[in-house]
Amino acid sequence: MLQIVTPIELRGRASALFIMIYGTFGMLVGPSLVALLADILGGDRALAMGMAVNCALCGGAAAACLCMGRSHAARAIQDLRLQNCAIQAAQV
């Protein structure tokens, strides 16, 4: 979707920025959240429970974001198809 909604002249920069933020967030927050959850939950299997809760929380948040953005994505794809049809009609 990033490539669809970004203007052509900014696609490289937008993709680089997205990858930088995504990677930094994943490296900093992911392991720290697992450790925090393991400390909070405690017990013999604290790390396993921390990882399970982390996957459930992050997976649930990702699924919610995808569901909320589904209609916007469909609209962006439809607009792109209409633009492509107009460009092809103008070339003929």
Protein backbone atom coordinates (compact mmCIF):
# COMPACT_ATOMS: atom_id res chain seq x y z
CA MET A 1 0.00 0.00 0.00
CA LEU A 2 2.93 2.31 0.64
CA GLN A 3 3.93 2.07 -3.02
CA ILE A 4 0.36 2.68 -4.20
CA VAL A 5 -0.41 5.80 -2.17
CA THR A 6 3.02 7.45 -2.43
CA PRO A 7 3.74 9.76 -5.37
CA ILE A 8 6.27 8.34 -7.83
CA GLU A 9 8.98 10.87 -7.02
CA LEU A 10 8.85 10.06 -3.28
CA ARG A 11 8.54 6.26 -3.31
CA GLY A 12 12.20 5.53 -2.62
CA ARG A 13 12.42 7.94 0.30
CA ALA A 14 9.12 6.78 1.76
CA SER A 15 10.16 3.12 1.54
CA ALA A 16 13.55 3.84 3.14
CA LEU A 17 11.94 5.78 5.97
CA PHE A 18 9.38 3.02 6.55
CA ILE A 19 12.04 0.31 6.68
CA MET A 20 14.21 2.39 9.03
CA ILE A 21 11.35 3.06 11.46
CA TYR A 22 9.98 -0.48 11.23
CA GLY A 23 13.39 -2.05 11.87
CA THR A 24 14.26 0.31 14.72
CA PHE A 25 10.89 -0.19 16.39
CA GLY A 26 11.18 -3.97 16.01
CA MET A 27 14.69 -4.12 17.45
CA LEU A 28 13.99 -1.81 20.38
CA VAL A 29 10.42 -2.55 21.42
CA GLY A 30 10.08 -6.26 20.60
CA PRO A 31 12.71 -7.75 22.92
CA SER A 32 12.06 -5.15 25.62
CA LEU A 33 8.35 -5.94 25.64
CA VAL A 34 9.01 -9.67 25.95
CA ALA A 35 11.38 -9.07 28.89
CA LEU A 36 8.91 -6.71 30.57
CA LEU A 37 6.07 -9.19 30.21
CA ALA A 38 8.28 -12.02 31.50
CA ASP A 39 9.14 -9.95 34.59
CA ILE A 40 5.51 -9.07 35.20
CA LEU A 41 4.21 -12.62 34.72
CA GLY A 42 7.02 -14.36 36.64
CA GLY A 43 6.94 -18.07 37.35
CA ASP A 44 8.81 -21.03 35.86
CA ARG A 45 7.81 -20.38 32.28
CA ALA A 46 7.93 -16.58 32.40
CA LEU A 47 9.83 -16.13 29.14
CA ALA A 48 7.53 -18.44 27.21
CA MET A 49 4.47 -16.68 28.61
CA GLY A 50 5.99 -13.28 27.84
CA MET A 51 6.57 -14.31 24.23
CA ALA A 52 3.06 -15.72 23.94
CA VAL A 53 1.42 -12.60 25.35
CA ASN A 54 3.62 -10.41 23.14
CA CYS A 55 2.56 -12.35 20.02
CA ALA A 56 -1.08 -12.17 21.03
CA LEU A 57 -0.97 -8.43 21.73
CA CYS A 58 1.05 -7.46 18.65
CA GLY A 59 -0.84 -9.88 16.39
CA GLY A 60 -4.17 -8.60 17.63
CA ALA A 61 -3.10 -4.98 17.14
CA ALA A 62 -1.87 -5.77 13.61
CA ALA A 63 -5.12 -7.53 12.73
CA ALA A 64 -7.14 -4.58 14.05
CA CYS A 65 -5.06 -2.13 11.98
CA LEU A 66 -5.51 -4.23 8.86
CA CYS A 67 -9.27 -4.44 9.37
CA MET A 68 -9.55 -0.68 9.93
CA GLY A 69 -7.51 0.10 6.82
CA ARG A 70 -9.19 -2.38 4.50
CA SER A 71 -11.78 0.03 3.10
CA HIS A 72 -9.19 2.76 2.57
CA ALA A 73 -6.91 0.31 0.76
CA ALA A 74 -9.72 -0.84 -1.50
CA ARG A 75 -10.52 2.78 -2.34
CA ALA A 76 -6.85 3.53 -3.14
CA ILE A 77 -6.62 0.48 -5.40
CA GLN A 78 -9.82 1.46 -7.19
CA ASP A 79 -8.52 5.00 -7.73
CA LEU A 80 -5.27 3.61 -9.13
CA ARG A 81 -7.19 1.37 -11.54
CA LEU A 82 -9.25 4.33 -12.73
CA GLN A 83 -6.08 6.38 -13.27
CA ASN A 84 -4.50 3.54 -15.26
CA CYS A 85 -7.64 3.21 -17.42
CA ALA A 86 -7.61 6.96 -18.11
CA ILE A 87 -3.90 6.86 -19.03
CA GLN A 88 -4.42 3.90 -21.37
CA ALA A 89 -7.43 5.57 -23.00
CA ALA A 90 -5.41 8.76 -23.54
CA GLN A 91 -2.58 6.78 -25.19
CA VAL A 92 -4.92 5.15 -27.72
